């Protein structure tokens, strides 16, 4: 009984000591469950904090996002060319191009808000720009990611690669 004295837990008007044997069996079990749950919650919070500071920002995860973005861009180019075959012109927006086939740019995961790929159809409707804005979330900068296509593929499609002297008017916005 001397060991149970420090465990004065008040339940309503009666203390846990007044429950006698139930404290040793049922009450102790509840206390252990409560302590284990609290410890699990603390471990989860500390684990997420460690992940956010040390794992998520690792270069390898960004490079995986860039590789996935290149692959998805290639699929998007195929979608744009298929769209033109069906409708006779390229889509007006990335949303129309997407058609549910691909989502926001995986390489933009470090921006304040993940963004879509940069897509702009030229006025003539016969050519377009399509690329990832990269880490800085700004179009027409050095870190932009372009689809990997062969030279033959580049010649037979409406995709145009931006030149280095194009000014960036794109700002990161949500």
N, C-alpha and C. Protein backbone atom coordinates (compact mmCIF):
# COMPACT_ATOMS: atom_id res chain seq x y z
N UNK A 1 0.82 -1.19 0.00
CA UNK A 1 0.00 0.00 0.00
C UNK A 1 0.86 1.24 0.00
N UNK A 2 2.08 1.15 0.47
CA UNK A 2 2.97 2.30 0.51
C UNK A 2 3.34 2.75 -0.90
N UNK A 3 3.41 1.82 -1.85
CA UNK A 3 3.74 2.18 -3.22
C UNK A 3 2.61 2.94 -3.90
N UNK A 4 1.39 2.68 -3.52
CA UNK A 4 0.25 3.32 -4.16
C UNK A 4 0.01 4.72 -3.64
N UNK A 5 0.59 5.10 -2.52
CA UNK A 5 0.36 6.41 -1.92
C UNK A 5 0.73 7.57 -2.85
N UNK A 6 1.85 7.53 -3.57
CA UNK A 6 2.15 8.67 -4.45
C UNK A 6 1.19 8.80 -5.62
N UNK A 7 0.41 7.77 -5.93
CA UNK A 7 -0.49 7.81 -7.08
C UNK A 7 -1.88 8.26 -6.68
N UNK A 8 -1.99 9.40 -6.03
CA UNK A 8 -3.29 9.92 -5.65
C UNK A 8 -3.94 10.57 -6.86
N UNK A 9 -4.83 9.88 -7.48
CA UNK A 9 -5.55 10.38 -8.64
C UNK A 9 -7.00 10.56 -8.21
N UNK A 10 -7.49 11.76 -8.31
CA UNK A 10 -8.86 12.03 -7.87
C UNK A 10 -9.83 11.79 -9.00
N UNK A 11 -10.81 10.96 -8.75
CA UNK A 11 -11.87 10.67 -9.70
C UNK A 11 -13.16 11.11 -9.03
N UNK A 12 -13.69 12.22 -9.47
CA UNK A 12 -14.89 12.76 -8.81
C UNK A 12 -14.51 13.19 -7.40
N UNK A 13 -15.21 12.67 -6.39
CA UNK A 13 -14.93 13.03 -5.01
C UNK A 13 -14.10 11.98 -4.30
N UNK A 14 -13.88 10.86 -4.95
CA UNK A 14 -13.15 9.78 -4.30
C UNK A 14 -11.76 9.69 -4.89
N UNK A 15 -10.78 9.40 -4.10
CA UNK A 15 -9.41 9.24 -4.60
C UNK A 15 -9.24 7.82 -5.11
N UNK A 16 -8.20 7.63 -5.91
CA UNK A 16 -7.92 6.31 -6.47
C UNK A 16 -7.58 5.31 -5.38
N UNK A 17 -7.07 5.77 -4.25
CA UNK A 17 -6.73 4.85 -3.16
C UNK A 17 -7.98 4.20 -2.56
N UNK A 18 -9.11 4.87 -2.68
CA UNK A 18 -10.33 4.30 -2.10
C UNK A 18 -10.86 3.13 -2.92
N UNK A 19 -10.34 2.95 -4.14
CA UNK A 19 -10.78 1.84 -4.96
C UNK A 19 -10.07 0.53 -4.60
N UNK A 20 -9.06 0.62 -3.77
CA UNK A 20 -8.39 -0.58 -3.28
C UNK A 20 -7.71 -1.35 -4.40
N UNK A 21 -8.16 -2.59 -4.58
CA UNK A 21 -7.52 -3.47 -5.56
C UNK A 21 -7.73 -3.00 -7.00
N UNK A 22 -8.80 -2.27 -7.28
CA UNK A 22 -9.03 -1.84 -8.66
C UNK A 22 -7.94 -0.88 -9.14
N UNK A 23 -7.30 -0.17 -8.21
CA UNK A 23 -6.20 0.72 -8.59
C UNK A 23 -5.03 -0.11 -9.11
N UNK A 24 -4.75 -1.20 -8.45
CA UNK A 24 -3.61 -2.02 -8.85
C UNK A 24 -3.86 -2.71 -10.18
N UNK A 25 -5.08 -3.08 -10.48
CA UNK A 25 -5.37 -3.80 -11.70
C UNK A 25 -5.86 -2.87 -12.81
N UNK A 26 -7.06 -2.36 -12.71
CA UNK A 26 -7.66 -1.54 -13.76
C UNK A 26 -7.10 -0.14 -13.83
N UNK A 27 -6.91 0.52 -12.69
CA UNK A 27 -6.44 1.90 -12.66
C UNK A 27 -5.02 2.03 -13.18
N UNK A 28 -4.17 1.12 -12.82
CA UNK A 28 -2.78 1.16 -13.27
C UNK A 28 -2.71 0.94 -14.78
N UNK A 29 -3.58 0.09 -15.27
CA UNK A 29 -3.62 -0.17 -16.71
C UNK A 29 -3.99 1.10 -17.47
N UNK A 30 -4.97 1.83 -16.96
CA UNK A 30 -5.38 3.08 -17.60
C UNK A 30 -4.27 4.13 -17.56
N UNK A 31 -3.56 4.18 -16.46
CA UNK A 31 -2.46 5.14 -16.33
C UNK A 31 -1.37 4.81 -17.34
N UNK A 32 -1.04 3.52 -17.48
CA UNK A 32 -0.01 3.11 -18.43
C UNK A 32 -0.43 3.42 -19.87
N UNK A 33 -1.69 3.22 -20.18
CA UNK A 33 -2.18 3.54 -21.52
C UNK A 33 -2.08 5.04 -21.77
N UNK A 34 -2.44 5.84 -20.79
CA UNK A 34 -2.34 7.29 -20.91
C UNK A 34 -0.89 7.74 -21.11
N UNK A 35 0.02 7.20 -20.36
CA UNK A 35 1.44 7.55 -20.47
C UNK A 35 1.99 7.11 -21.83
N UNK A 36 1.62 5.91 -22.27
CA UNK A 36 2.09 5.42 -23.56
C UNK A 36 1.54 6.29 -24.70
N UNK A 37 0.29 6.69 -24.62
CA UNK A 37 -0.30 7.56 -25.64
C UNK A 37 0.38 8.92 -25.68
N UNK A 38 0.66 9.49 -24.51
CA UNK A 38 1.35 10.78 -24.46
C UNK A 38 2.76 10.68 -25.02
N UNK A 39 3.45 9.60 -24.69
CA UNK A 39 4.81 9.41 -25.22
C UNK A 39 4.78 9.24 -26.73
N UNK A 40 3.78 8.54 -27.25
CA UNK A 40 3.65 8.37 -28.70
C UNK A 40 3.40 9.71 -29.39
N UNK A 41 2.58 10.54 -28.79
CA UNK A 41 2.30 11.86 -29.35
C UNK A 41 3.55 12.72 -29.37
N UNK A 42 4.30 12.71 -28.31
CA UNK A 42 5.55 13.48 -28.24
C UNK A 42 6.54 12.97 -29.28
N UNK A 43 6.65 11.65 -29.42
CA UNK A 43 7.56 11.07 -30.41
C UNK A 43 7.15 11.47 -31.83
N UNK A 44 5.86 11.50 -32.10
CA UNK A 44 5.38 11.89 -33.43
C UNK A 44 5.71 13.34 -33.74
N UNK A 45 5.51 14.22 -32.78
CA UNK A 45 5.82 15.64 -32.98
C UNK A 45 7.32 15.84 -33.19
N UNK A 46 8.14 15.20 -32.37
CA UNK A 46 9.59 15.32 -32.52
C UNK A 46 10.05 14.70 -33.83
N UNK A 47 9.45 13.59 -34.24
CA UNK A 47 9.80 12.95 -35.51
C UNK A 47 9.47 13.83 -36.70
N UNK A 48 8.29 14.47 -36.68
CA UNK A 48 7.92 15.35 -37.77
C UNK A 48 8.85 16.56 -37.83
N UNK A 49 9.21 17.10 -36.68
CA UNK A 49 10.12 18.23 -36.65
C UNK A 49 11.48 17.84 -37.24
N UNK A 50 11.98 16.68 -36.89
CA UNK A 50 13.24 16.20 -37.45
C UNK A 50 13.13 16.01 -38.95
N UNK A 51 12.02 15.40 -39.40
CA UNK A 51 11.80 15.18 -40.83
C UNK A 51 11.79 16.51 -41.59
N UNK A 52 11.05 17.47 -41.06
CA UNK A 52 10.91 18.76 -41.74
C UNK A 52 12.24 19.50 -41.84
N UNK A 53 13.09 19.36 -40.83
CA UNK A 53 14.36 20.09 -40.83
C UNK A 53 15.50 19.35 -41.51
N UNK A 54 15.49 18.03 -41.48
CA UNK A 54 16.67 17.28 -41.94
C UNK A 54 16.45 16.37 -43.14
N UNK A 55 15.26 15.86 -43.31
CA UNK A 55 15.05 14.88 -44.38
C UNK A 55 14.40 15.52 -45.60
N UNK A 56 13.35 16.30 -45.39
CA UNK A 56 12.60 16.87 -46.49
C UNK A 56 13.45 17.78 -47.36
N UNK A 57 14.42 18.45 -46.79
CA UNK A 57 15.24 19.39 -47.54
C UNK A 57 16.48 18.75 -48.16
N UNK A 58 16.59 17.45 -48.08
CA UNK A 58 17.75 16.78 -48.63
C UNK A 58 17.72 16.87 -50.16
N UNK A 59 18.86 17.05 -50.74
CA UNK A 59 19.01 17.22 -52.18
C UNK A 59 18.42 16.06 -52.98
N UNK A 60 18.52 14.86 -52.46
CA UNK A 60 18.04 13.70 -53.21
C UNK A 60 16.54 13.78 -53.46
N UNK A 61 15.76 14.31 -52.51
CA UNK A 61 14.33 14.41 -52.71
C UNK A 61 13.99 15.44 -53.77
N UNK A 62 14.74 16.53 -53.81
CA UNK A 62 14.52 17.52 -54.85
C UNK A 62 14.87 16.94 -56.22
N UNK A 63 15.96 16.18 -56.29
CA UNK A 63 16.34 15.60 -57.58
C UNK A 63 15.32 14.56 -58.04
N UNK A 64 14.69 13.85 -57.10
CA UNK A 64 13.62 12.91 -57.47
C UNK A 64 12.43 13.67 -58.04
N UNK A 65 12.10 14.81 -57.43
CA UNK A 65 11.01 15.63 -57.95
C UNK A 65 11.31 16.15 -59.34
N UNK A 66 12.57 16.52 -59.58
CA UNK A 66 12.96 17.01 -60.90
C UNK A 66 12.90 15.89 -61.95
N UNK A 67 13.33 14.70 -61.59
CA UNK A 67 13.28 13.56 -62.52
C UNK A 67 11.83 13.20 -62.83
N UNK A 68 10.97 13.21 -61.83
CA UNK A 68 9.56 12.93 -62.05
C UNK A 68 8.94 14.01 -62.92
N UNK A 69 9.34 15.24 -62.71
CA UNK A 69 8.82 16.35 -63.51
C UNK A 69 9.20 16.19 -64.98
N UNK A 70 10.43 15.78 -65.26
CA UNK A 70 10.85 15.56 -66.65
C UNK A 70 9.99 14.49 -67.31
N UNK A 71 9.74 13.42 -66.58
CA UNK A 71 8.93 12.34 -67.12
C UNK A 71 7.50 12.80 -67.38
N UNK A 72 6.94 13.54 -66.43
CA UNK A 72 5.58 14.03 -66.58
C UNK A 72 5.48 15.08 -67.70
N UNK A 73 6.54 15.86 -67.89
CA UNK A 73 6.55 16.84 -68.98
C UNK A 73 6.50 16.14 -70.33
N UNK A 74 7.22 15.06 -70.44
CA UNK A 74 7.20 14.29 -71.69
C UNK A 74 5.77 13.80 -71.97
N UNK A 75 5.10 13.30 -70.95
CA UNK A 75 3.71 12.87 -71.09
C UNK A 75 2.81 14.05 -71.46
N UNK A 76 3.08 15.21 -70.89
CA UNK A 76 2.27 16.40 -71.19
C UNK A 76 2.46 16.84 -72.63
N UNK A 77 3.68 16.73 -73.15
CA UNK A 77 3.93 17.07 -74.56
C UNK A 77 3.14 16.11 -75.45
N UNK A 78 3.14 14.84 -75.11
CA UNK A 78 2.37 13.86 -75.88
C UNK A 78 0.88 14.21 -75.82
N UNK A 79 0.41 14.64 -74.65
CA UNK A 79 -1.00 15.04 -74.50
C UNK A 79 -1.31 16.26 -75.36
N UNK A 80 -0.39 17.22 -75.39
CA UNK A 80 -0.60 18.44 -76.19
C UNK A 80 -0.66 18.10 -77.68
N UNK A 81 0.22 17.22 -78.11
CA UNK A 81 0.22 16.84 -79.53
C UNK A 81 -1.04 16.04 -79.88
N UNK A 82 -1.48 15.19 -78.98
CA UNK A 82 -2.73 14.44 -79.20
C UNK A 82 -3.92 15.38 -79.25
N UNK A 83 -3.92 16.37 -78.37
CA UNK A 83 -4.99 17.37 -78.34
C UNK A 83 -5.06 18.08 -79.70
N UNK A 84 -3.90 18.45 -80.24
CA UNK A 84 -3.89 19.14 -81.53
C UNK A 84 -4.40 18.23 -82.65
N UNK A 85 -4.06 16.96 -82.60
CA UNK A 85 -4.55 16.04 -83.63
C UNK A 85 -6.08 15.95 -83.61
N UNK A 86 -6.65 15.99 -82.42
CA UNK A 86 -8.11 15.87 -82.29
C UNK A 86 -8.82 17.18 -82.63
N UNK A 87 -8.33 18.31 -82.08
CA UNK A 87 -9.05 19.58 -82.20
C UNK A 87 -8.47 20.53 -83.25
N UNK A 88 -7.27 20.27 -83.74
CA UNK A 88 -6.67 21.12 -84.77
C UNK A 88 -5.88 22.29 -84.22
N UNK A 89 -5.80 22.44 -82.92
CA UNK A 89 -5.03 23.51 -82.27
C UNK A 89 -4.61 23.04 -80.89
N UNK A 90 -3.66 23.73 -80.31
CA UNK A 90 -3.18 23.37 -78.98
C UNK A 90 -4.13 23.95 -77.93
N UNK A 91 -4.21 23.33 -76.75
CA UNK A 91 -5.11 23.84 -75.72
C UNK A 91 -4.71 25.23 -75.24
N UNK A 92 -5.69 25.96 -74.71
CA UNK A 92 -5.45 27.32 -74.25
C UNK A 92 -4.75 27.38 -72.90
N UNK A 93 -4.91 26.34 -72.07
CA UNK A 93 -4.36 26.38 -70.72
C UNK A 93 -3.84 25.00 -70.33
N UNK A 94 -3.05 24.99 -69.26
CA UNK A 94 -2.53 23.72 -68.76
C UNK A 94 -3.66 22.87 -68.18
N UNK A 95 -4.71 23.51 -67.68
CA UNK A 95 -5.86 22.77 -67.15
C UNK A 95 -6.54 21.97 -68.27
N UNK A 96 -6.70 22.60 -69.43
CA UNK A 96 -7.31 21.91 -70.57
C UNK A 96 -6.39 20.80 -71.08
N UNK A 97 -5.11 21.06 -71.02
CA UNK A 97 -4.12 20.07 -71.45
C UNK A 97 -4.10 18.88 -70.50
N UNK A 98 -4.20 19.16 -69.24
CA UNK A 98 -4.08 18.13 -68.22
C UNK A 98 -5.09 17.03 -68.40
N UNK A 99 -6.37 17.38 -68.46
CA UNK A 99 -7.40 16.37 -68.63
C UNK A 99 -7.38 15.30 -67.55
N UNK A 100 -6.88 15.62 -66.36
CA UNK A 100 -6.82 14.67 -65.28
C UNK A 100 -5.64 13.71 -65.34
N UNK A 101 -4.80 13.84 -66.37
CA UNK A 101 -3.71 12.89 -66.55
C UNK A 101 -2.50 13.20 -65.68
N UNK A 102 -2.25 14.44 -65.37
CA UNK A 102 -1.13 14.77 -64.49
C UNK A 102 -1.52 15.94 -63.61
N UNK A 103 -0.80 16.10 -62.52
CA UNK A 103 -1.17 17.08 -61.51
C UNK A 103 -0.12 18.17 -61.42
N UNK A 104 -0.04 18.83 -60.30
CA UNK A 104 0.91 19.93 -60.16
C UNK A 104 2.35 19.44 -60.28
N UNK A 105 3.23 20.36 -60.55
CA UNK A 105 4.63 20.09 -60.82
C UNK A 105 5.34 19.54 -59.58
N UNK A 106 5.87 18.31 -59.63
CA UNK A 106 6.55 17.76 -58.45
C UNK A 106 7.86 18.47 -58.12
N UNK A 107 8.44 19.19 -59.07
CA UNK A 107 9.68 19.92 -58.80
C UNK A 107 9.42 21.23 -58.06
N UNK A 108 8.16 21.63 -57.93
CA UNK A 108 7.85 22.88 -57.24
C UNK A 108 7.49 22.65 -55.78
N UNK A 109 7.85 21.52 -55.23
CA UNK A 109 7.50 21.18 -53.86
C UNK A 109 8.10 22.08 -52.81
N UNK A 110 9.10 22.86 -53.15
CA UNK A 110 9.74 23.73 -52.17
C UNK A 110 9.28 25.17 -52.30
N UNK A 111 8.32 25.42 -53.15
CA UNK A 111 7.74 26.75 -53.28
C UNK A 111 6.73 26.94 -52.15
N UNK A 112 6.34 28.17 -51.93
CA UNK A 112 5.32 28.41 -50.90
C UNK A 112 4.05 27.65 -51.23
N UNK A 113 3.75 27.58 -52.50
CA UNK A 113 2.59 26.80 -52.94
C UNK A 113 2.98 26.04 -54.19
N UNK A 114 2.72 24.74 -54.25
CA UNK A 114 3.03 23.99 -55.47
C UNK A 114 2.30 24.58 -56.67
N UNK A 115 2.96 24.61 -57.78
CA UNK A 115 2.39 25.24 -58.96
C UNK A 115 2.25 24.25 -60.10
N UNK A 116 1.48 24.63 -61.08
CA UNK A 116 1.39 23.86 -62.30
C UNK A 116 2.62 24.15 -63.15
N UNK A 117 2.75 23.39 -64.19
CA UNK A 117 3.81 23.65 -65.16
C UNK A 117 3.52 24.98 -65.85
N UNK A 118 4.57 25.60 -66.36
CA UNK A 118 4.38 26.81 -67.14
C UNK A 118 3.92 26.38 -68.53
N UNK A 119 2.79 26.89 -68.94
CA UNK A 119 2.25 26.57 -70.27
C UNK A 119 1.73 27.85 -70.88
N UNK A 120 2.16 28.14 -72.10
CA UNK A 120 1.67 29.30 -72.82
C UNK A 120 1.56 28.95 -74.29
N UNK A 121 0.37 29.07 -74.80
CA UNK A 121 0.16 28.86 -76.23
C UNK A 121 0.40 30.19 -76.93
N UNK A 122 1.14 30.16 -78.01
CA UNK A 122 1.40 31.39 -78.75
C UNK A 122 0.14 31.86 -79.46
N UNK A 123 0.14 33.11 -79.87
CA UNK A 123 -1.05 33.71 -80.48
C UNK A 123 -1.52 32.96 -81.71
N UNK A 124 -0.60 32.43 -82.49
CA UNK A 124 -1.00 31.71 -83.70
C UNK A 124 -1.64 30.35 -83.40
N UNK A 125 -1.50 29.88 -82.17
CA UNK A 125 -2.08 28.59 -81.78
C UNK A 125 -1.34 27.39 -82.33
N UNK A 126 -0.23 27.63 -82.99
CA UNK A 126 0.52 26.54 -83.63
C UNK A 126 1.73 26.10 -82.81
N UNK A 127 2.13 26.89 -81.83
CA UNK A 127 3.28 26.54 -80.99
C UNK A 127 2.95 26.87 -79.54
N UNK A 128 3.76 26.34 -78.65
CA UNK A 128 3.53 26.56 -77.22
C UNK A 128 4.82 26.37 -76.44
N UNK A 129 4.83 26.91 -75.23
CA UNK A 129 5.91 26.67 -74.26
C UNK A 129 5.34 25.79 -73.17
N UNK A 130 6.10 24.82 -72.73
CA UNK A 130 5.69 23.94 -71.65
C UNK A 130 6.95 23.49 -70.91
N UNK A 131 7.06 23.87 -69.64
CA UNK A 131 8.20 23.47 -68.83
C UNK A 131 7.90 23.65 -67.36
N UNK A 132 8.77 23.10 -66.53
CA UNK A 132 8.67 23.26 -65.08
C UNK A 132 9.43 24.51 -64.68
N UNK A 133 8.89 25.25 -63.74
CA UNK A 133 9.55 26.46 -63.27
C UNK A 133 10.70 26.16 -62.32
N UNK A 134 10.84 24.93 -61.90
CA UNK A 134 11.97 24.54 -61.07
C UNK A 134 11.86 25.02 -59.63
N UNK A 135 12.99 25.02 -58.94
CA UNK A 135 13.02 25.32 -57.51
C UNK A 135 12.58 26.74 -57.16
N UNK A 136 12.92 27.69 -58.00
CA UNK A 136 12.61 29.08 -57.65
C UNK A 136 11.18 29.48 -58.00
N UNK A 137 10.45 28.60 -58.67
CA UNK A 137 9.05 28.83 -59.04
C UNK A 137 8.86 30.03 -59.97
N UNK A 138 9.90 30.40 -60.67
CA UNK A 138 9.84 31.50 -61.63
C UNK A 138 10.13 30.95 -63.03
N UNK A 139 9.35 31.40 -63.99
CA UNK A 139 9.54 30.95 -65.36
C UNK A 139 10.70 31.70 -66.00
N UNK A 140 11.32 31.07 -66.97
CA UNK A 140 12.41 31.64 -67.77
C UNK A 140 13.65 31.95 -66.94
N UNK A 141 13.99 31.07 -66.02
CA UNK A 141 15.22 31.21 -65.24
C UNK A 141 16.08 29.97 -65.48
N UNK A 142 17.29 30.00 -64.96
CA UNK A 142 18.27 28.95 -65.23
C UNK A 142 17.86 27.58 -64.69
N UNK A 143 17.03 27.54 -63.66
CA UNK A 143 16.68 26.24 -63.07
C UNK A 143 15.43 25.61 -63.68
N UNK A 144 14.88 26.20 -64.72
CA UNK A 144 13.71 25.62 -65.38
C UNK A 144 14.03 24.21 -65.89
N UNK A 145 13.04 23.34 -65.86
CA UNK A 145 13.22 21.95 -66.28
C UNK A 145 12.39 21.74 -67.54
N UNK A 146 13.01 21.23 -68.57
CA UNK A 146 12.36 21.02 -69.86
C UNK A 146 12.22 19.53 -70.13
N UNK A 147 11.22 19.16 -70.94
CA UNK A 147 11.06 17.74 -71.25
C UNK A 147 12.25 17.23 -72.07
N UNK A 148 12.59 15.98 -71.84
CA UNK A 148 13.68 15.37 -72.60
C UNK A 148 13.10 14.72 -73.85
N UNK A 149 13.44 15.28 -75.00
CA UNK A 149 12.96 14.79 -76.27
C UNK A 149 14.13 14.63 -77.21
N UNK A 150 14.01 13.72 -78.15
CA UNK A 150 15.06 13.57 -79.15
C UNK A 150 14.98 14.73 -80.14
N UNK A 151 16.04 14.92 -80.92
CA UNK A 151 16.05 16.01 -81.91
C UNK A 151 14.95 15.83 -82.94
N UNK A 152 14.70 14.59 -83.36
CA UNK A 152 13.62 14.32 -84.32
C UNK A 152 12.26 14.69 -83.73
N UNK A 153 12.05 14.36 -82.46
CA UNK A 153 10.79 14.69 -81.82
C UNK A 153 10.61 16.20 -81.72
N UNK A 154 11.66 16.92 -81.40
CA UNK A 154 11.57 18.37 -81.27
C UNK A 154 11.22 19.04 -82.59
N UNK A 155 11.64 18.46 -83.71
CA UNK A 155 11.39 19.08 -85.02
C UNK A 155 9.95 18.91 -85.47
N UNK A 156 9.28 17.89 -85.00
CA UNK A 156 7.96 17.56 -85.54
C UNK A 156 6.81 17.95 -84.62
N UNK A 157 7.07 18.79 -83.64
CA UNK A 157 6.00 19.18 -82.70
C UNK A 157 5.99 20.70 -82.54
N UNK A 158 4.97 21.20 -81.87
CA UNK A 158 4.81 22.64 -81.66
C UNK A 158 5.50 23.17 -80.43
N UNK A 159 6.14 22.31 -79.65
CA UNK A 159 6.83 22.75 -78.44
C UNK A 159 8.01 23.64 -78.81
N UNK A 160 8.11 24.79 -78.16
CA UNK A 160 9.23 25.70 -78.34
C UNK A 160 9.98 25.83 -77.03
N UNK A 161 11.27 25.79 -77.12
CA UNK A 161 12.11 25.95 -75.93
C UNK A 161 12.38 27.44 -75.74
N UNK A 162 12.27 27.93 -74.52
CA UNK A 162 12.53 29.35 -74.28
C UNK A 162 14.00 29.68 -74.53
N UNK A 163 14.25 30.88 -74.99
CA UNK A 163 15.62 31.34 -75.18
C UNK A 163 16.10 31.98 -73.89
N UNK A 164 17.39 32.13 -73.76
CA UNK A 164 17.96 32.67 -72.53
C UNK A 164 17.68 34.15 -72.37
N UNK A 165 17.32 34.86 -73.44
CA UNK A 165 17.10 36.29 -73.31
C UNK A 165 15.64 36.65 -73.04
N UNK A 166 14.79 35.65 -72.76
CA UNK A 166 13.39 35.93 -72.46
C UNK A 166 13.31 36.44 -71.03
N UNK A 167 12.60 37.54 -70.83
CA UNK A 167 12.47 38.14 -69.50
C UNK A 167 11.47 37.36 -68.66
N UNK A 168 11.75 37.26 -67.38
CA UNK A 168 10.84 36.57 -66.48
C UNK A 168 9.83 37.53 -65.95
N UNK A 169 8.57 37.28 -66.28
CA UNK A 169 7.49 38.08 -65.74
C UNK A 169 6.72 37.27 -64.71
N UNK A 170 7.16 36.07 -64.49
CA UNK A 170 6.46 35.18 -63.59
C UNK A 170 6.90 35.41 -62.15
N UNK A 171 5.97 35.52 -61.26
CA UNK A 171 6.24 35.62 -59.82
C UNK A 171 5.56 34.46 -59.13
N UNK A 172 6.13 34.05 -58.03
CA UNK A 172 5.50 32.97 -57.26
C UNK A 172 4.25 33.51 -56.61
N UNK A 173 3.15 32.87 -56.86
CA UNK A 173 1.90 33.29 -56.24
C UNK A 173 1.01 32.07 -56.05
N UNK A 174 0.14 32.15 -55.08
CA UNK A 174 -0.77 31.05 -54.80
C UNK A 174 -2.14 31.35 -55.36
